[in-house]
Amino acid sequence: MGEWNLHIGSDCASYDVASDNLILHSDGTFEQHALSKRGFHYDAPAEKWKFSPENHVLLDSRKDFFNSQPTKDFVGARRAEELIVDFRNPMVIFLNPALDCFYTKPK
């Protein structure tokens, strides 16, 4: 639970995402707040999430901006997702373990 900020590594740097923040609440809801490099905002205040043992976070609808979209838009694609949690220190939530784009806790 808590706040998670997207680390945008080289695998995702060419997309129009400046920041992406997830806030996982203990009541099973989450918020997503994203900002494009050109200043467009996306805010979803009440999506659903749950933990699936051993190491997965299931999100009912995260907006994914890492796709080919017109450069004049910041629309992304809403999709249900199963993200992988790595419990080592520091703990991270992977979009895809093969990519260097993942969520971390703020310092």
PDB file of N, CA and C in Angstrom:
ATOM      1  N   MET A   1       0.834  -1.183   0.000  1.00  0.00           N
ATOM      2  CA  MET A   1       0.000   0.000   0.000  1.00  0.00           C
ATOM      3  C   MET A   1       0.872   1.236   0.000  1.00  0.00           C
ATOM      4  N   GLY A   2       0.251   2.366  -0.150  1.00  0.00           N
ATOM      5  CA  GLY A   2       0.980   3.620  -0.109  1.00  0.00           C
ATOM      6  C   GLY A   2       1.201   4.198  -1.496  1.00  0.00           C
ATOM      7  N   GLU A   3       2.117   5.145  -1.539  1.00  0.00           N
ATOM      8  CA  GLU A   3       2.398   5.889  -2.767  1.00  0.00           C
ATOM      9  C   GLU A   3       3.557   5.257  -3.528  1.00  0.00           C
ATOM     10  N   TRP A   4       3.419   5.218  -4.865  1.00  0.00           N
ATOM     11  CA  TRP A   4       4.425   4.636  -5.745  1.00  0.00           C
ATOM     12  C   TRP A   4       4.642   5.563  -6.927  1.00  0.00           C
ATOM     13  N   ASN A   5       5.895   5.904  -7.211  1.00  0.00           N
ATOM     14  CA  ASN A   5       6.240   6.763  -8.337  1.00  0.00           C
ATOM     15  C   ASN A   5       6.923   5.946  -9.420  1.00  0.00           C
ATOM     16  N   LEU A   6       6.585   6.241 -10.660  1.00  0.00           N
ATOM     17  CA  LEU A   6       7.166   5.512 -11.780  1.00  0.00           C
ATOM     18  C   LEU A   6       8.593   5.967 -12.043  1.00  0.00           C
ATOM     19  N   HIS A   7       9.516   5.017 -12.029  1.00  0.00           N
ATOM     20  CA  HIS A   7      10.888   5.247 -12.484  1.00  0.00           C
ATOM     21  C   HIS A   7      10.869   5.020 -13.993  1.00  0.00           C
ATOM     22  N   ILE A   8      11.180   6.058 -14.749  1.00  0.00           N
ATOM     23  CA  ILE A   8      11.131   5.971 -16.210  1.00  0.00           C
ATOM     24  C   ILE A   8      12.549   5.746 -16.717  1.00  0.00           C
ATOM     25  N   GLY A   9      12.858   4.497 -17.001  1.00  0.00           N
ATOM     26  CA  GLY A   9      14.176   4.138 -17.496  1.00  0.00           C
ATOM     27  C   GLY A   9      14.278   4.302 -19.001  1.00  0.00           C
ATOM     28  N   SER A  10      15.378   3.871 -19.552  1.00  0.00           N
ATOM     29  CA  SER A  10      15.642   4.045 -20.987  1.00  0.00           C
ATOM     30  C   SER A  10      14.636   3.307 -21.868  1.00  0.00           C
ATOM     31  N   ASP A  11      14.065   2.196 -21.361  1.00  0.00           N
ATOM     32  CA  ASP A  11      13.090   1.447 -22.156  1.00  0.00           C
ATOM     33  C   ASP A  11      11.806   2.236 -22.401  1.00  0.00           C
ATOM     34  N   CYS A  12      11.521   3.239 -21.586  1.00  0.00           N
ATOM     35  CA  CYS A  12      10.273   4.005 -21.692  1.00  0.00           C
ATOM     36  C   CYS A  12      10.504   5.488 -21.945  1.00  0.00           C
ATOM     37  N   ALA A  13      11.744   5.918 -21.997  1.00  0.00           N
ATOM     38  CA  ALA A  13      12.055   7.349 -22.056  1.00  0.00           C
ATOM     39  C   ALA A  13      11.537   8.046 -23.309  1.00  0.00           C
ATOM     40  N   SER A  14      11.321   7.334 -24.386  1.00  0.00           N
ATOM     41  CA  SER A  14      10.877   7.977 -25.625  1.00  0.00           C
ATOM     42  C   SER A  14       9.384   8.288 -25.639  1.00  0.00           C
ATOM     43  N   TYR A  15       8.632   7.784 -24.657  1.00  0.00           N
ATOM     44  CA  TYR A  15       7.201   8.060 -24.603  1.00  0.00           C
ATOM     45  C   TYR A  15       6.949   9.394 -23.914  1.00  0.00           C
ATOM     46  N   ASP A  16       5.735   9.890 -24.032  1.00  0.00           N
ATOM     47  CA  ASP A  16       5.388  11.237 -23.568  1.00  0.00           C
ATOM     48  C   ASP A  16       5.021  11.282 -22.087  1.00  0.00           C
ATOM     49  N   VAL A  17       5.633  10.472 -21.239  1.00  0.00           N
ATOM     50  CA  VAL A  17       5.303  10.448 -19.821  1.00  0.00           C
ATOM     51  C   VAL A  17       6.413  11.126 -19.022  1.00  0.00           C
ATOM     52  N   ALA A  18       6.048  12.182 -18.291  1.00  0.00           N
ATOM     53  CA  ALA A  18       7.000  12.848 -17.411  1.00  0.00           C
ATOM     54  C   ALA A  18       6.954  12.227 -16.025  1.00  0.00           C
ATOM     55  N   SER A  19       5.746  11.859 -15.569  1.00  0.00           N
ATOM     56  CA  SER A  19       5.603  11.210 -14.269  1.00  0.00           C
ATOM     57  C   SER A  19       4.301  10.417 -14.232  1.00  0.00           C
ATOM     58  N   ASP A  20       4.289   9.395 -13.385  1.00  0.00           N
ATOM     59  CA  ASP A  20       3.098   8.569 -13.178  1.00  0.00           C
ATOM     60  C   ASP A  20       3.151   8.118 -11.723  1.00  0.00           C
ATOM     61  N   ASN A  21       2.086   8.370 -10.992  1.00  0.00           N
ATOM     62  CA  ASN A  21       2.036   8.107  -9.560  1.00  0.00           C
ATOM     63  C   ASN A  21       0.811   7.258  -9.249  1.00  0.00           C
ATOM     64  N   LEU A  22       1.021   6.172  -8.498  1.00  0.00           N
ATOM     65  CA  LEU A  22      -0.078   5.347  -8.001  1.00  0.00           C
ATOM     66  C   LEU A  22      -0.144   5.502  -6.492  1.00  0.00           C
ATOM     67  N   ILE A  23      -1.356   5.606  -5.957  1.00  0.00           N
ATOM     68  CA  ILE A  23      -1.570   5.620  -4.516  1.00  0.00           C
ATOM     69  C   ILE A  23      -2.529   4.481  -4.203  1.00  0.00           C
ATOM     70  N   LEU A  24      -2.011   3.425  -3.568  1.00  0.00           N
ATOM     71  CA  LEU A  24      -2.808   2.252  -3.223  1.00  0.00           C
ATOM     72  C   LEU A  24      -3.358   2.428  -1.811  1.00  0.00           C
ATOM     73  N   HIS A  25      -4.684   2.512  -1.698  1.00  0.00           N
ATOM     74  CA  HIS A  25      -5.337   2.704  -0.400  1.00  0.00           C
ATOM     75  C   HIS A  25      -5.711   1.351   0.212  1.00  0.00           C
ATOM     76  N   SER A  26      -5.750   1.296   1.535  1.00  0.00           N
ATOM     77  CA  SER A  26      -6.052   0.051   2.247  1.00  0.00           C
ATOM     78  C   SER A  26      -7.478  -0.435   2.026  1.00  0.00           C
ATOM     79  N   ASP A  27      -8.372   0.424   1.538  1.00  0.00           N
ATOM     80  CA  ASP A  27      -9.757   0.009   1.287  1.00  0.00           C
ATOM     81  C   ASP A  27      -9.942  -0.654  -0.081  1.00  0.00           C
ATOM     82  N   GLY A  28      -8.837  -0.891  -0.812  1.00  0.00           N
ATOM     83  CA  GLY A  28      -8.919  -1.552  -2.110  1.00  0.00           C
ATOM     84  C   GLY A  28      -9.109  -0.613  -3.273  1.00  0.00           C
ATOM     85  N   THR A  29      -9.030   0.694  -3.038  1.00  0.00           N
ATOM     86  CA  THR A  29      -9.085   1.659  -4.138  1.00  0.00           C
ATOM     87  C   THR A  29      -7.674   2.187  -4.393  1.00  0.00           C
ATOM     88  N   PHE A  30      -7.474   2.714  -5.590  1.00  0.00           N
ATOM     89  CA  PHE A  30      -6.205   3.379  -5.873  1.00  0.00           C
ATOM     90  C   PHE A  30      -6.434   4.590  -6.754  1.00  0.00           C
ATOM     91  N   GLU A  31      -5.485   5.494  -6.668  1.00  0.00           N
ATOM     92  CA  GLU A  31      -5.469   6.685  -7.511  1.00  0.00           C
ATOM     93  C   GLU A  31      -4.314   6.563  -8.489  1.00  0.00           C
ATOM     94  N   GLN A  32      -4.490   7.127  -9.668  1.00  0.00           N
ATOM     95  CA  GLN A  32      -3.389   7.251 -10.622  1.00  0.00           C
ATOM     96  C   GLN A  32      -3.339   8.702 -11.066  1.00  0.00           C
ATOM     97  N   HIS A  33      -2.151   9.280 -11.003  1.00  0.00           N
ATOM     98  CA  HIS A  33      -1.939  10.667 -11.423  1.00  0.00           C
ATOM     99  C   HIS A  33      -0.733  10.679 -12.356  1.00  0.00           C
ATOM    100  N   ALA A  34      -0.963  11.054 -13.603  1.00  0.00           N
ATOM    101  CA  ALA A  34       0.116  11.065 -14.595  1.00  0.00           C
ATOM    102  C   ALA A  34       0.223  12.454 -15.215  1.00  0.00           C
ATOM    103  N   LEU A  35       1.430  12.765 -15.676  1.00  0.00           N
ATOM    104  CA  LEU A  35       1.715  14.044 -16.320  1.00  0.00           C
ATOM    105  C   LEU A  35       2.542  13.768 -17.564  1.00  0.00           C
ATOM    106  N   SER A  36       2.132  14.369 -18.673  1.00  0.00           N
ATOM    107  CA  SER A  36       2.903  14.207 -19.909  1.00  0.00           C
ATOM    108  C   SER A  36       4.054  15.207 -19.926  1.00  0.00           C
ATOM    109  N   LYS A  37       5.000  14.981 -20.795  1.00  0.00           N
ATOM    110  CA  LYS A  37       6.135  15.895 -20.940  1.00  0.00           C
ATOM    111  C   LYS A  37       5.688  17.258 -21.447  1.00  0.00           C
ATOM    112  N   ARG A  38       4.489  17.328 -22.042  1.00  0.00           N
ATOM    113  CA  ARG A  38       3.963  18.590 -22.558  1.00  0.00           C
ATOM    114  C   ARG A  38       2.943  19.232 -21.625  1.00  0.00           C
ATOM    115  N   GLY A  39       2.812  18.678 -20.406  1.00  0.00           N
ATOM    116  CA  GLY A  39       1.968  19.302 -19.402  1.00  0.00           C
ATOM    117  C   GLY A  39       0.541  18.805 -19.306  1.00  0.00           C
ATOM    118  N   PHE A  40       0.164  17.772 -20.073  1.00  0.00           N
ATOM    119  CA  PHE A  40      -1.181  17.211 -19.956  1.00  0.00           C
ATOM    120  C   PHE A  40      -1.267  16.360 -18.698  1.00  0.00           C
ATOM    121  N   HIS A  41      -2.394  16.462 -17.981  1.00  0.00           N
ATOM    122  CA  HIS A  41      -2.621  15.698 -16.752  1.00  0.00           C
ATOM    123  C   HIS A  41      -3.632  14.589 -16.990  1.00  0.00           C
ATOM    124  N   TYR A  42      -3.454  13.486 -16.270  1.00  0.00           N
ATOM    125  CA  TYR A  42      -4.460  12.430 -16.201  1.00  0.00           C
ATOM    126  C   TYR A  42      -4.609  12.075 -14.730  1.00  0.00           C
ATOM    127  N   ASP A  43      -5.849  12.108 -14.236  1.00  0.00           N
ATOM    128  CA  ASP A  43      -6.120  11.779 -12.841  1.00  0.00           C
ATOM    129  C   ASP A  43      -7.291  10.817 -12.759  1.00  0.00           C
ATOM    130  N   ALA A  44      -7.072   9.684 -12.094  1.00  0.00           N
ATOM    131  CA  ALA A  44      -8.121   8.698 -11.836  1.00  0.00           C
ATOM    132  C   ALA A  44      -8.163   8.506 -10.318  1.00  0.00           C
ATOM    133  N   PRO A  45      -9.186   9.041  -9.640  1.00  0.00           N
ATOM    134  CA  PRO A  45      -9.187   9.050  -8.181  1.00  0.00           C
ATOM    135  C   PRO A  45      -9.753   7.816  -7.498  1.00  0.00           C
ATOM    136  N   ALA A  46     -10.409   6.907  -8.213  1.00  0.00           N
ATOM    137  CA  ALA A  46     -11.102   5.820  -7.503  1.00  0.00           C
ATOM    138  C   ALA A  46     -11.177   4.542  -8.325  1.00  0.00           C
ATOM    139  N   GLU A  47     -10.023   3.978  -8.661  1.00  0.00           N
ATOM    140  CA  GLU A  47      -9.978   2.674  -9.323  1.00  0.00           C
ATOM    141  C   GLU A  47      -9.857   1.594  -8.240  1.00  0.00           C
ATOM    142  N   LYS A  48      -9.920   0.331  -8.632  1.00  0.00           N
ATOM    143  CA  LYS A  48      -9.863  -0.784  -7.668  1.00  0.00           C
ATOM    144  C   LYS A  48      -8.563  -1.574  -7.837  1.00  0.00           C
ATOM    145  N   TRP A  49      -8.048  -2.093  -6.716  1.00  0.00           N
ATOM    146  CA  TRP A  49      -6.858  -2.932  -6.735  1.00  0.00           C
ATOM    147  C   TRP A  49      -6.992  -4.010  -5.664  1.00  0.00           C
ATOM    148  N   LYS A  50      -6.187  -5.071  -5.812  1.00  0.00           N
ATOM    149  CA  LYS A  50      -6.075  -6.077  -4.758  1.00  0.00           C
ATOM    150  C   LYS A  50      -4.742  -6.781  -4.903  1.00  0.00           C
ATOM    151  N   PHE A  51      -4.287  -7.344  -3.793  1.00  0.00           N
ATOM    152  CA  PHE A  51      -3.041  -8.109  -3.778  1.00  0.00           C
ATOM    153  C   PHE A  51      -3.381  -9.558  -4.063  1.00  0.00           C
ATOM    154  N   SER A  52      -2.594 -10.181  -4.915  1.00  0.00           N
ATOM    155  CA  SER A  52      -2.765 -11.590  -5.228  1.00  0.00           C
ATOM    156  C   SER A  52      -1.477 -12.311  -4.849  1.00  0.00           C
ATOM    157  N   PRO A  53      -1.540 -13.222  -3.878  1.00  0.00           N
ATOM    158  CA  PRO A  53      -0.328 -13.928  -3.456  1.00  0.00           C
ATOM    159  C   PRO A  53       0.314 -14.650  -4.633  1.00  0.00           C
ATOM    160  N   GLU A  54       1.487 -14.812  -4.644  1.00  0.00           N
ATOM    161  CA  GLU A  54       2.575 -14.477  -3.772  1.00  0.00           C
ATOM    162  C   GLU A  54       3.075 -13.052  -3.999  1.00  0.00           C
ATOM    163  N   ASN A  55       3.019 -12.552  -5.216  1.00  0.00           N
ATOM    164  CA  ASN A  55       3.694 -11.276  -5.461  1.00  0.00           C
ATOM    165  C   ASN A  55       3.055 -10.456  -6.594  1.00  0.00           C
ATOM    166  N   HIS A  56       1.753 -10.390  -6.640  1.00  0.00           N
ATOM    167  CA  HIS A  56       1.105  -9.634  -7.712  1.00  0.00           C
ATOM    168  C   HIS A  56       0.140  -8.588  -7.160  1.00  0.00           C
ATOM    169  N   VAL A  57       0.089  -7.467  -7.830  1.00  0.00           N
ATOM    170  CA  VAL A  57      -0.918  -6.438  -7.577  1.00  0.00           C
ATOM    171  C   VAL A  57      -1.825  -6.442  -8.797  1.00  0.00           C
ATOM    172  N   LEU A  58      -3.115  -6.635  -8.572  1.00  0.00           N
ATOM    173  CA  LEU A  58      -4.095  -6.643  -9.655  1.00  0.00           C
ATOM    174  C   LEU A  58      -4.801  -5.294  -9.680  1.00  0.00           C
ATOM    175  N   LEU A  59      -4.688  -4.587 -10.786  1.00  0.00           N
ATOM    176  CA  LEU A  59      -5.321  -3.282 -10.946  1.00  0.00           C
ATOM    177  C   LEU A  59      -6.477  -3.426 -11.928  1.00  0.00           C
ATOM    178  N   ASP A  60      -7.654  -2.920 -11.554  1.00  0.00           N
ATOM    179  CA  ASP A  60      -8.804  -3.091 -12.442  1.00  0.00           C
ATOM    180  C   ASP A  60      -8.703  -2.208 -13.679  1.00  0.00           C
ATOM    181  N   SER A  61      -8.021  -1.068 -13.582  1.00  0.00           N
ATOM    182  CA  SER A  61      -7.964  -0.182 -14.740  1.00  0.00           C
ATOM    183  C   SER A  61      -6.882   0.870 -14.571  1.00  0.00           C
ATOM    184  N   ARG A  62      -5.664   0.532 -14.973  1.00  0.00           N
ATOM    185  CA  ARG A  62      -4.566   1.511 -14.977  1.00  0.00           C
ATOM    186  C   ARG A  62      -4.449   2.084 -16.368  1.00  0.00           C
ATOM    187  N   LYS A  63      -4.220   3.375 -16.465  1.00  0.00           N
ATOM    188  CA  LYS A  63      -4.016   4.010 -17.768  1.00  0.00           C
ATOM    189  C   LYS A  63      -2.556   3.813 -18.162  1.00  0.00           C
ATOM    190  N   ASP A  64      -2.338   3.161 -19.294  1.00  0.00           N
ATOM    191  CA  ASP A  64      -1.004   2.852 -19.804  1.00  0.00           C
ATOM    192  C   ASP A  64      -0.677   3.837 -20.916  1.00  0.00           C
ATOM    193  N   PHE A  65       0.337   4.656 -20.694  1.00  0.00           N
ATOM    194  CA  PHE A  65       0.735   5.657 -21.689  1.00  0.00           C
ATOM    195  C   PHE A  65       1.913   5.207 -22.536  1.00  0.00           C
ATOM    196  N   PHE A  66       2.429   3.995 -22.289  1.00  0.00           N
ATOM    197  CA  PHE A  66       3.570   3.488 -23.049  1.00  0.00           C
ATOM    198  C   PHE A  66       3.064   2.724 -24.261  1.00  0.00           C
ATOM    199  N   ASN A  67       2.550   3.467 -25.203  1.00  0.00           N
ATOM    200  CA  ASN A  67       2.027   2.905 -26.439  1.00  0.00           C
ATOM    201  C   ASN A  67       2.210   3.935 -27.542  1.00  0.00           C
ATOM    202  N   SER A  68       2.031   3.514 -28.758  1.00  0.00           N
ATOM    203  CA  SER A  68       2.150   4.472 -29.852  1.00  0.00           C
ATOM    204  C   SER A  68       0.831   5.225 -29.953  1.00  0.00           C
ATOM    205  N   GLN A  69       0.909   6.507 -29.720  1.00  0.00           N
ATOM    206  CA  GLN A  69      -0.255   7.367 -29.802  1.00  0.00           C
ATOM    207  C   GLN A  69       0.160   8.654 -30.499  1.00  0.00           C
ATOM    208  N   PRO A  70      -0.780   9.374 -31.060  1.00  0.00           N
ATOM    209  CA  PRO A  70      -0.414  10.630 -31.712  1.00  0.00           C
ATOM    210  C   PRO A  70       0.277  11.565 -30.729  1.00  0.00           C
ATOM    211  N   THR A  71       1.301  12.251 -31.183  1.00  0.00           N
ATOM    212  CA  THR A  71       2.072  13.110 -30.284  1.00  0.00           C
ATOM    213  C   THR A  71       1.252  14.276 -29.756  1.00  0.00           C
ATOM    214  N   LYS A  72       0.161  14.626 -30.414  1.00  0.00           N
ATOM    215  CA  LYS A  72      -0.670  15.732 -29.932  1.00  0.00           C
ATOM    216  C   LYS A  72      -1.624  15.286 -28.819  1.00  0.00           C
ATOM    217  N   ASP A  73      -1.717  13.988 -28.560  1.00  0.00           N
ATOM    218  CA  ASP A  73      -2.632  13.453 -27.559  1.00  0.00           C
ATOM    219  C   ASP A  73      -1.872  12.862 -26.377  1.00  0.00           C
ATOM    220  N   PHE A  74      -2.553  12.770 -25.253  1.00  0.00           N
ATOM    221  CA  PHE A  74      -2.036  12.054 -24.080  1.00  0.00           C
ATOM    222  C   PHE A  74      -3.202  11.218 -23.582  1.00  0.00           C
ATOM    223  N   VAL A  75      -3.554  10.202 -24.371  1.00  0.00           N
ATOM    224  CA  VAL A  75      -4.776   9.451 -24.098  1.00  0.00           C
ATOM    225  C   VAL A  75      -4.517   8.101 -23.452  1.00  0.00           C
ATOM    226  N   GLY A  76      -3.467   7.427 -23.831  1.00  0.00           N
ATOM    227  CA  GLY A  76      -3.158   6.133 -23.248  1.00  0.00           C
ATOM    228  C   GLY A  76      -4.248   5.109 -23.502  1.00  0.00           C
ATOM    229  N   ALA A  77      -4.119   3.988 -22.837  1.00  0.00           N
ATOM    230  CA  ALA A  77      -5.089   2.899 -22.968  1.00  0.00           C
ATOM    231  C   ALA A  77      -5.411   2.376 -21.574  1.00  0.00           C
ATOM    232  N   ARG A  78      -6.687   2.378 -21.223  1.00  0.00           N
ATOM    233  CA  ARG A  78      -7.108   1.831 -19.923  1.00  0.00           C
ATOM    234  C   ARG A  78      -7.138   0.318 -20.038  1.00  0.00           C
ATOM    235  N   ARG A  79      -6.523  -0.345 -19.063  1.00  0.00           N
ATOM    236  CA  ARG A  79      -6.511  -1.807 -19.093  1.00  0.00           C
ATOM    237  C   ARG A  79      -6.371  -2.378 -17.694  1.00  0.00           C
ATOM    238  N   ALA A  80      -6.970  -3.533 -17.502  1.00  0.00           N
ATOM    239  CA  ALA A  80      -6.735  -4.286 -16.271  1.00  0.00           C
ATOM    240  C   ALA A  80      -5.317  -4.833 -16.353  1.00  0.00           C
ATOM    241  N   GLU A  81      -4.609  -4.799 -15.242  1.00  0.00           N
ATOM    242  CA  GLU A  81      -3.219  -5.246 -15.262  1.00  0.00           C
ATOM    243  C   GLU A  81      -2.880  -6.066 -14.033  1.00  0.00           C
ATOM    244  N   GLU A  82      -1.936  -6.965 -14.228  1.00  0.00           N
ATOM    245  CA  GLU A  82      -1.358  -7.753 -13.148  1.00  0.00           C
ATOM    246  C   GLU A  82       0.118  -7.395 -13.102  1.00  0.00           C
ATOM    247  N   LEU A  83       0.506  -6.614 -12.097  1.00  0.00           N
ATOM    248  CA  LEU A  83       1.879  -6.157 -11.956  1.00  0.00           C
ATOM    249  C   LEU A  83       2.602  -7.031 -10.936  1.00  0.00           C
ATOM    250  N   ILE A  84       3.910  -7.139 -11.082  1.00  0.00           N
ATOM    251  CA  ILE A  84       4.716  -8.006 -10.226  1.00  0.00           C
ATOM    252  C   ILE A  84       5.414  -7.174  -9.156  1.00  0.00           C
ATOM    253  N   VAL A  85       5.266  -7.600  -7.909  1.00  0.00           N
ATOM    254  CA  VAL A  85       5.912  -6.925  -6.784  1.00  0.00           C
ATOM    255  C   VAL A  85       7.198  -7.669  -6.440  1.00  0.00           C
ATOM    256  N   ASP A  86       8.290  -6.927  -6.371  1.00  0.00           N
ATOM    257  CA  ASP A  86       9.571  -7.469  -5.924  1.00  0.00           C
ATOM    258  C   ASP A  86       9.788  -6.940  -4.510  1.00  0.00           C
ATOM    259  N   PHE A  87       9.777  -7.829  -3.523  1.00  0.00           N
ATOM    260  CA  PHE A  87       9.819  -7.440  -2.125  1.00  0.00           C
ATOM    261  C   PHE A  87      11.233  -7.178  -1.602  1.00  0.00           C
ATOM    262  N   ARG A  88      12.248  -7.339  -2.446  1.00  0.00           N
ATOM    263  CA  ARG A  88      13.605  -7.028  -1.982  1.00  0.00           C
ATOM    264  C   ARG A  88      13.711  -5.539  -1.672  1.00  0.00           C
ATOM    265  N   ASN A  89      14.808  -5.163  -1.030  1.00  0.00           N
ATOM    266  CA  ASN A  89      15.002  -3.766  -0.665  1.00  0.00           C
ATOM    267  C   ASN A  89      15.882  -3.088  -1.704  1.00  0.00           C
ATOM    268  N   PRO A  90      15.442  -2.059  -2.386  1.00  0.00           N
ATOM    269  CA  PRO A  90      14.151  -1.404  -2.231  1.00  0.00           C
ATOM    270  C   PRO A  90      13.050  -2.177  -2.977  1.00  0.00           C
ATOM    271  N   MET A  91      11.856  -2.152  -2.426  1.00  0.00           N
ATOM    272  CA  MET A  91      10.716  -2.832  -3.022  1.00  0.00           C
ATOM    273  C   MET A  91      10.275  -2.062  -4.270  1.00  0.00           C
ATOM    274  N   VAL A  92       9.945  -2.807  -5.340  1.00  0.00           N
ATOM    275  CA  VAL A  92       9.487  -2.196  -6.586  1.00  0.00           C
ATOM    276  C   VAL A  92       8.272  -2.962  -7.109  1.00  0.00           C
ATOM    277  N   ILE A  93       7.497  -2.279  -7.956  1.00  0.00           N
ATOM    278  CA  ILE A  93       6.388  -2.910  -8.664  1.00  0.00           C
ATOM    279  C   ILE A  93       6.701  -2.796 -10.151  1.00  0.00           C
ATOM    280  N   PHE A  94       6.889  -3.948 -10.800  1.00  0.00           N
ATOM    281  CA  PHE A  94       7.268  -3.979 -12.209  1.00  0.00           C
ATOM    282  C   PHE A  94       6.047  -3.903 -13.128  1.00  0.00           C
ATOM    283  N   LEU A  95       6.146  -3.083 -14.155  1.00  0.00           N
ATOM    284  CA  LEU A  95       5.199  -3.149 -15.264  1.00  0.00           C
ATOM    285  C   LEU A  95       5.501  -4.394 -16.081  1.00  0.00           C
ATOM    286  N   ASN A  96       6.798  -4.617 -16.288  1.00  0.00           N
ATOM    287  CA  ASN A  96       7.309  -5.776 -17.008  1.00  0.00           C
ATOM    288  C   ASN A  96       8.736  -5.984 -16.490  1.00  0.00           C
ATOM    289  N   PRO A  97       9.051  -7.135 -15.920  1.00  0.00           N
ATOM    290  CA  PRO A  97      10.394  -7.333 -15.348  1.00  0.00           C
ATOM    291  C   PRO A  97      11.530  -7.204 -16.351  1.00  0.00           C
ATOM    292  N   ALA A  98      11.238  -7.281 -17.638  1.00  0.00           N
ATOM    293  CA  ALA A  98      12.282  -7.152 -18.653  1.00  0.00           C
ATOM    294  C   ALA A  98      12.591  -5.689 -18.985  1.00  0.00           C
ATOM    295  N   LEU A  99      11.805  -4.744 -18.452  1.00  0.00           N
ATOM    296  CA  LEU A  99      11.997  -3.322 -18.745  1.00  0.00           C
ATOM    297  C   LEU A  99      12.492  -2.581 -17.509  1.00  0.00           C
ATOM    298  N   ASP A 100      13.177  -1.465 -17.737  1.00  0.00           N
ATOM    299  CA  ASP A 100      13.670  -0.663 -16.624  1.00  0.00           C
ATOM    300  C   ASP A 100      12.715   0.487 -16.279  1.00  0.00           C
ATOM    301  N   CYS A 101      11.430   0.205 -16.357  1.00  0.00           N
ATOM    302  CA  CYS A 101      10.374   1.144 -15.977  1.00  0.00           C
ATOM    303  C   CYS A 101       9.545   0.442 -14.910  1.00  0.00           C
ATOM    304  N   PHE A 102       9.538   0.994 -13.695  1.00  0.00           N
ATOM    305  CA  PHE A 102       8.870   0.333 -12.583  1.00  0.00           C
ATOM    306  C   PHE A 102       8.512   1.379 -11.539  1.00  0.00           C
ATOM    307  N   TYR A 103       7.591   1.006 -10.656  1.00  0.00           N
ATOM    308  CA  TYR A 103       7.159   1.894  -9.576  1.00  0.00           C
ATOM    309  C   TYR A 103       7.998   1.655  -8.334  1.00  0.00           C
ATOM    310  N   THR A 104       8.387   2.762  -7.664  1.00  0.00           N
ATOM    311  CA  THR A 104       9.127   2.701  -6.419  1.00  0.00           C
ATOM    312  C   THR A 104       8.442   3.607  -5.390  1.00  0.00           C
ATOM    313  N   LYS A 105       8.741   3.358  -4.131  1.00  0.00           N
ATOM    314  CA  LYS A 105       8.251   4.236  -3.062  1.00  0.00           C
ATOM    315  C   LYS A 105       9.061   5.531  -3.088  1.00  0.00           C
ATOM    316  N   PRO A 106       8.416   6.689  -2.860  1.00  0.00           N
ATOM    317  CA  PRO A 106       9.182   7.935  -2.790  1.00  0.00           C
ATOM    318  C   PRO A 106      10.148   7.918  -1.609  1.00  0.00           C
ATOM    319  N   LYS A 107      11.252   8.598  -1.776  1.00  0.00           N
ATOM    320  CA  LYS A 107      12.264   8.643  -0.703  1.00  0.00           C
ATOM    321  C   LYS A 107      12.019   9.806   0.208  1.00  0.00           C
TER     322      LYS A 107
END
